[in-house]
Amino acid sequence: MTSIANGLTVTEPTPAADAQPRRRGMRSSRKRQLTGLAMAAPAILLIVTFFLVPLVMTFWISLHNWPLLGRHRFIGLDNYQRALVDPGFRTALKFTVVYTLVITPILFVLGLGMAFLVRRKVRSAGIFQSIYFMPVCIGLAAGSFLWLYLGQSQIGPLFDLLRRAGLVEPEGNLFAGKWTGLLLVIAMVTWKVVGLQMLLLLSGLQSIPDDVVEAARIDGAGRWQLFSHITVPLLRPTLALVLVFSVAGSLLAFDQFFIMTRGGPSNSTITAVYAIYRTSFISFKLGYGAALSVFLMVILAAVSAVQMLLLRNTDHG
């Protein structure tokens, strides 16, 4: 389309000419979306198959009286009402919370301290980093059996060391007491997991810009001021990740207690997951066990959400 203005001929684009590039852009955008969906399809399929479908099935089973053998019967929310007043599950949940409150700060403090140590630019830092991380490569079950042997009466090297130091009786049993067994489990988990916490915190420390630290030092900031006003605020996203992983792993603790203490003595070291296991696969009350699983999942989601809310990075809105 042409028009004459002040003696000049001006060619104006027609609506059809404008529509063609727009349609090409829409087709290109749709093609990229379909390509991205196709690339993400395997991951989506895995999530649906191994997470969403089992989650829905678990919730459905929790609404039934579902024995291992025989017909199941729909009972609605009766299993959840029973879980709220079950003294055995409440005791297991209380012990799990105590274990979580004890192990989480231990892992965090040791992991952060080790991260500061291996952060130093010295030749031996990489060697110590590998040594600290090595137990992470060992399976939790294998580590539990190893420490079960180390603390075993009469034959365990750790038991023999404590006996020579006069801390245990020659005929004693470290796993016969609630607190001694718990301390051994905490020692094993710390040895097994602290290397991973160190690595995660080290990556966060290395992401802090050096010029920010140097500027604070020039302004007269001491070590504590650098840590509290520079390191901690800039390390907040990593802290959130580490604490969520640590708390979630502690609330879901099972293998170490199943192998090392067997829930003893007198069922005093039964964790929430251990109680769910016994309900579902020893008592064969699958419906009630599924309700306990959903109950624990809600608690875990709520705790993780609160942690993320408290440790969110407010600097980025």
Protein backbone atom coordinates (compact mmCIF):
# COMPACT_ATOMS: atom_id res chain seq x y z
CA MET A 1 0.00 0.00 0.00
CA THR A 2 1.40 3.41 -1.04
CA SER A 3 0.46 6.96 -0.03
CA ILE A 4 1.68 10.42 -1.05
CA ALA A 5 2.65 12.82 1.73
CA ASN A 6 4.42 16.17 1.06
CA GLY A 7 5.25 15.04 -2.43
CA LEU A 8 6.89 11.80 -1.22
CA THR A 9 5.67 8.32 -1.98
CA VAL A 10 5.53 6.13 1.13
CA THR A 11 5.04 2.40 0.95
CA GLU A 12 3.13 1.02 3.95
CA PRO A 13 3.24 -2.68 4.85
CA THR A 14 0.04 -4.54 4.13
CA PRO A 15 -1.69 -6.57 6.89
CA ALA A 16 -0.88 -9.76 5.00
CA ALA A 17 2.82 -8.87 4.95
CA ASP A 18 2.76 -8.29 8.73
CA ALA A 19 0.96 -11.56 9.40
CA GLN A 20 3.49 -13.80 7.64
CA PRO A 21 6.48 -13.09 9.98
CA ARG A 22 4.13 -13.38 12.96
CA ARG A 23 2.90 -16.78 11.83
CA ARG A 24 6.46 -17.94 11.21
CA GLY A 25 7.44 -16.79 14.71
CA MET A 26 4.47 -18.63 16.25
CA ARG A 27 5.33 -21.81 14.34
CA SER A 28 8.96 -21.55 15.46
CA SER A 29 7.92 -20.99 19.08
CA ARG A 30 5.48 -23.92 18.96
CA LYS A 31 8.20 -26.11 17.46
CA ARG A 32 10.61 -25.22 20.27
CA GLN A 33 7.93 -25.98 22.86
CA LEU A 34 7.20 -29.37 21.32
CA THR A 35 10.92 -30.14 21.14
CA GLY A 36 11.37 -29.23 24.81
CA LEU A 37 8.34 -31.34 25.77
CA ALA A 38 9.72 -34.30 23.82
CA MET A 39 13.09 -34.00 25.57
CA ALA A 40 11.43 -33.76 28.99
CA ALA A 41 8.99 -36.61 28.29
CA PRO A 42 11.26 -39.42 29.64
CA ALA A 43 11.76 -37.57 32.93
CA ILE A 44 8.04 -36.80 33.17
CA LEU A 45 7.24 -40.46 32.52
CA LEU A 46 9.62 -41.57 35.27
CA ILE A 47 8.12 -39.09 37.75
CA VAL A 48 4.58 -40.17 36.93
CA THR A 49 5.43 -43.90 37.05
CA PHE A 50 7.61 -44.00 40.15
CA PHE A 51 6.25 -41.06 42.19
CA LEU A 52 2.76 -39.89 41.32
CA VAL A 53 1.20 -43.31 40.68
CA PRO A 54 2.63 -44.90 43.89
CA LEU A 55 1.60 -41.79 45.83
CA VAL A 56 -1.98 -42.03 44.63
CA MET A 57 -2.05 -45.78 45.29
CA THR A 58 -0.67 -45.28 48.80
CA PHE A 59 -3.37 -42.74 49.59
CA TRP A 60 -6.04 -45.07 48.16
CA ILE A 61 -4.80 -48.01 50.23
CA SER A 62 -4.74 -45.80 53.35
CA LEU A 63 -8.51 -45.37 53.04
CA HIS A 64 -9.08 -49.13 53.37
CA ASN A 65 -8.71 -51.92 55.84
CA TRP A 66 -6.21 -53.70 53.59
CA PRO A 67 -4.79 -56.97 54.97
CA LEU A 68 -2.06 -58.84 53.16
CA LEU A 69 -4.48 -61.67 52.40
CA GLY A 70 -8.22 -61.41 52.03
CA ARG A 71 -10.65 -58.75 50.88
CA HIS A 72 -10.02 -55.09 51.59
CA ARG A 73 -12.77 -52.87 52.94
CA PHE A 74 -13.22 -49.09 52.54
CA ILE A 75 -13.13 -47.36 55.93
CA GLY A 76 -12.54 -43.72 54.96
CA LEU A 77 -10.34 -41.71 57.34
CA ASP A 78 -10.43 -44.23 60.20
CA ASN A 79 -6.75 -45.11 59.73
CA TYR A 80 -5.77 -41.44 60.05
CA GLN A 81 -7.85 -41.03 63.19
CA ARG A 82 -6.15 -44.09 64.62
CA ALA A 83 -2.70 -42.68 63.76
CA LEU A 84 -3.38 -39.52 65.75
CA VAL A 85 -3.98 -41.48 68.96
CA ASP A 86 -1.61 -44.41 68.41
CA PRO A 87 0.86 -44.30 71.35
CA GLY A 88 3.37 -46.53 69.57
CA PHE A 89 3.60 -44.29 66.52
CA ARG A 90 3.69 -41.16 68.66
CA THR A 91 6.61 -42.58 70.64
CA ALA A 92 8.43 -43.49 67.42
CA LEU A 93 7.76 -40.02 66.01
CA LYS A 94 9.02 -38.40 69.20
CA PHE A 95 12.24 -40.44 69.09
CA THR A 96 12.69 -39.51 65.41
CA VAL A 97 12.36 -35.81 66.24
CA VAL A 98 14.92 -36.15 69.07
CA TYR A 99 17.33 -37.94 66.73
CA THR A 100 16.82 -35.23 64.09
CA LEU A 101 17.41 -32.40 66.57
CA VAL A 102 20.65 -34.04 67.74
CA ILE A 103 22.16 -35.14 64.42
CA THR A 104 21.32 -32.06 62.32
CA PRO A 105 23.47 -29.47 64.18
CA ILE A 106 26.31 -31.99 64.51
CA LEU A 107 26.40 -32.58 60.76
CA PHE A 108 26.06 -28.88 59.99
CA VAL A 109 28.79 -27.65 62.35
CA LEU A 110 31.27 -30.37 61.38
CA GLY A 111 30.46 -30.03 57.68
CA LEU A 112 30.92 -26.25 57.74
CA GLY A 113 34.14 -26.53 59.73
CA MET A 114 35.56 -29.10 57.31
CA ALA A 115 34.48 -26.92 54.37
CA PHE A 116 36.49 -24.00 55.79
CA LEU A 117 39.50 -26.28 56.31
CA VAL A 118 39.61 -27.72 52.80
CA ARG A 119 38.83 -24.29 51.28
CA ARG A 120 42.35 -23.13 52.07
CA LYS A 121 44.56 -22.89 49.00
CA VAL A 122 47.20 -25.36 50.11
CA ARG A 123 48.45 -28.49 48.41
CA SER A 124 47.05 -30.89 51.02
CA ALA A 125 43.50 -29.46 50.88
CA GLY A 126 42.50 -31.66 47.94
CA ILE A 127 43.85 -34.78 49.68
CA PHE A 128 41.88 -34.12 52.85
CA GLN A 129 38.79 -33.30 50.81
CA SER A 130 38.98 -36.73 49.16
CA ILE A 131 39.55 -38.45 52.52
CA TYR A 132 36.58 -36.70 54.13
CA PHE A 133 34.32 -37.50 51.18
CA MET A 134 35.34 -41.17 50.87
CA PRO A 135 32.77 -42.58 53.38
CA VAL A 136 29.97 -41.02 51.32
CA CYS A 137 30.71 -43.58 48.60
CA ILE A 138 29.95 -46.42 51.02
CA GLY A 139 26.34 -47.57 51.23
CA LEU A 140 24.41 -46.78 54.40
CA ALA A 141 23.74 -50.47 55.04
CA ALA A 142 27.42 -51.35 54.58
CA GLY A 143 28.44 -48.54 56.92
CA SER A 144 25.91 -49.72 59.50
CA PHE A 145 27.25 -53.28 59.42
CA LEU A 146 30.82 -51.94 59.71
CA TRP A 147 30.01 -49.93 62.84
CA LEU A 148 27.97 -52.82 64.21
CA TYR A 149 31.16 -54.87 64.08
CA LEU A 150 33.29 -52.05 65.52
CA GLY A 151 31.01 -51.70 68.55
CA GLN A 152 30.36 -55.41 69.06
CA SER A 153 31.12 -56.72 72.53
CA GLN A 154 34.39 -58.66 73.00
CA ILE A 155 35.43 -58.55 69.34
CA GLY A 156 34.87 -54.95 68.16
CA PRO A 157 37.96 -52.68 67.99
CA LEU A 158 35.90 -49.66 69.14
CA PHE A 159 34.50 -51.62 72.08
CA ASP A 160 38.02 -52.77 73.00
CA LEU A 161 39.29 -49.18 72.86
CA LEU A 162 36.48 -47.96 75.13
CA ARG A 163 37.08 -50.90 77.50
CA ARG A 164 40.79 -50.07 77.77
CA ALA A 165 39.86 -46.45 78.49
CA GLY A 166 37.57 -47.64 81.30
CA LEU A 167 34.42 -46.26 79.68
CA VAL A 168 32.61 -49.60 79.38
CA GLU A 169 32.57 -52.80 81.39
CA PRO A 170 34.37 -55.84 79.93
CA GLU A 171 31.07 -57.73 79.76
CA GLY A 172 29.06 -54.72 78.64
CA ASN A 173 27.11 -54.21 75.43
CA LEU A 174 27.07 -50.82 73.72
CA PHE A 175 23.85 -51.65 71.89
CA ALA A 176 22.00 -52.73 75.05
CA GLY A 177 21.44 -49.16 76.19
CA LYS A 178 19.19 -46.65 74.46
CA TRP A 179 21.62 -43.74 74.61
CA THR A 180 24.81 -45.70 73.93
CA GLY A 181 23.16 -47.31 70.91
CA LEU A 182 21.90 -43.92 69.75
CA LEU A 183 25.38 -42.40 70.14
CA LEU A 184 26.87 -45.19 68.01
CA VAL A 185 24.26 -44.60 65.32
CA ILE A 186 24.95 -40.84 65.42
CA ALA A 187 28.70 -41.51 65.14
CA MET A 188 28.16 -43.78 62.13
CA VAL A 189 25.82 -41.36 60.35
CA THR A 190 28.21 -38.45 61.01
CA TRP A 191 31.14 -40.43 59.60
CA LYS A 192 29.04 -41.46 56.61
CA VAL A 193 27.26 -38.18 55.72
CA VAL A 194 29.41 -35.27 56.88
CA GLY A 195 31.59 -35.47 53.77
CA LEU A 196 28.61 -34.73 51.54
CA GLN A 197 27.62 -31.77 53.71
CA MET A 198 31.20 -30.53 53.50
CA LEU A 199 31.15 -30.72 49.70
CA LEU A 200 27.83 -28.86 49.40
CA LEU A 201 28.91 -26.13 51.82
CA LEU A 202 32.30 -25.88 50.11
CA SER A 203 30.60 -25.20 46.78
CA GLY A 204 28.61 -22.43 48.47
CA LEU A 205 31.72 -20.91 50.03
CA GLN A 206 33.56 -20.95 46.72
CA SER A 207 30.68 -19.07 45.07
CA ILE A 208 31.17 -16.07 47.40
CA PRO A 209 33.04 -13.36 45.43
CA ASP A 210 36.53 -12.66 46.76
CA ASP A 211 36.22 -8.93 46.10
CA VAL A 212 33.24 -8.73 48.51
CA VAL A 213 35.30 -10.36 51.27
CA GLU A 214 38.32 -8.14 50.55
CA ALA A 215 36.16 -5.01 50.60
CA ALA A 216 34.76 -5.99 54.00
CA ARG A 217 38.28 -6.59 55.33
CA ILE A 218 39.43 -3.21 54.08
CA ASP A 219 36.49 -1.65 55.93
CA GLY A 220 37.78 -3.25 59.14
CA ALA A 221 35.53 -6.29 59.45
CA GLY A 222 36.84 -9.04 61.72
CA ARG A 223 36.43 -12.80 61.29
CA TRP A 224 33.11 -12.95 63.14
CA GLN A 225 31.74 -9.94 61.24
CA LEU A 226 32.83 -11.51 57.94
CA PHE A 227 31.12 -14.77 58.90
CA SER A 228 27.87 -13.27 60.21
CA HIS A 229 27.42 -10.40 57.73
CA ILE A 230 29.05 -11.75 54.56
CA THR A 231 29.38 -15.53 54.60
CA VAL A 232 26.04 -16.51 56.16
CA PRO A 233 23.82 -14.19 54.03
CA LEU A 234 25.54 -15.20 50.78
CA LEU A 235 25.53 -18.85 51.84
CA ARG A 236 21.80 -18.88 52.60
CA PRO A 237 20.64 -20.83 49.49
CA THR A 238 23.24 -23.52 50.17
CA LEU A 239 22.31 -23.60 53.86
CA ALA A 240 18.68 -24.17 52.89
CA LEU A 241 19.64 -27.06 50.60
CA VAL A 242 21.91 -28.69 53.20
CA LEU A 243 19.41 -28.37 56.06
CA VAL A 244 16.50 -29.68 53.99
CA PHE A 245 18.56 -32.71 52.94
CA SER A 246 19.77 -33.31 56.50
CA VAL A 247 16.37 -32.98 58.19
CA ALA A 248 14.61 -35.05 55.52
CA GLY A 249 17.20 -37.81 55.79
CA SER A 250 16.96 -37.83 59.59
CA LEU A 251 13.16 -37.94 59.64
CA LEU A 252 13.29 -40.87 57.21
CA ALA A 253 15.97 -42.76 59.15
CA PHE A 254 15.54 -46.53 59.01
CA ASP A 255 18.53 -48.59 57.81
CA GLN A 256 20.94 -47.64 60.56
CA PHE A 257 18.50 -48.43 63.39
CA PHE A 258 17.21 -51.58 61.70
CA ILE A 259 20.75 -52.94 61.37
CA MET A 260 22.56 -51.58 64.43
CA THR A 261 19.98 -51.52 67.24
CA ARG A 262 17.05 -53.55 65.83
CA GLY A 263 14.80 -51.04 67.57
CA GLY A 264 16.05 -52.02 71.01
CA PRO A 265 16.34 -52.02 73.84
CA SER A 266 12.62 -52.45 74.55
CA ASN A 267 11.61 -50.69 71.30
CA SER A 268 13.23 -47.45 72.50
CA THR A 269 15.02 -46.77 69.21
CA ILE A 270 12.09 -47.32 66.85
CA THR A 271 11.92 -44.50 64.30
CA ALA A 272 8.82 -43.42 62.39
CA VAL A 273 9.82 -45.29 59.23
CA TYR A 274 10.75 -48.33 61.32
CA ALA A 275 7.26 -48.25 62.89
CA ILE A 276 5.70 -48.04 59.43
CA TYR A 277 7.79 -51.02 58.30
CA ARG A 278 6.72 -53.12 61.27
CA THR A 279 3.07 -52.17 60.82
CA SER A 280 3.03 -52.93 57.11
CA PHE A 281 5.35 -55.92 56.72
CA ILE A 282 5.37 -57.62 60.12
CA SER A 283 1.80 -57.01 61.30
CA PHE A 284 0.58 -56.97 57.66
CA LYS A 285 -1.71 -53.97 58.25
CA LEU A 286 -1.07 -52.42 54.86
CA GLY A 287 -3.89 -49.88 55.03
CA TYR A 288 -2.82 -48.52 58.39
CA GLY A 289 0.84 -48.54 57.32
CA ALA A 290 -0.07 -46.54 54.21
CA ALA A 291 -1.91 -44.00 56.39
CA LEU A 292 1.18 -43.64 58.59
CA SER A 293 3.28 -43.12 55.45
CA VAL A 294 1.00 -40.34 54.21
CA PHE A 295 1.00 -38.81 57.69
CA LEU A 296 4.81 -38.78 57.76
CA MET A 297 4.98 -37.37 54.23
CA VAL A 298 2.76 -34.44 55.24
CA ILE A 299 4.99 -33.75 58.27
CA LEU A 300 8.11 -33.90 56.11
CA ALA A 301 6.62 -31.57 53.48
CA ALA A 302 5.55 -29.09 56.16
CA VAL A 303 8.98 -29.08 57.84
CA SER A 304 10.77 -28.64 54.49
CA ALA A 305 8.42 -25.79 53.51
CA VAL A 306 9.07 -23.99 56.80
CA GLN A 307 12.83 -24.40 56.35
CA MET A 308 12.72 -23.02 52.81
CA LEU A 309 10.54 -20.13 53.97
CA LEU A 310 12.88 -19.19 56.81
CA LEU A 311 16.03 -19.54 54.69
CA ARG A 312 14.74 -18.05 51.45
CA ASN A 313 16.94 -15.49 49.73
CA THR A 314 15.07 -12.23 50.39
CA ASP A 315 17.57 -10.24 48.35
CA HIS A 316 16.06 -11.59 45.13
CA GLY A 317 12.44 -11.03 46.02
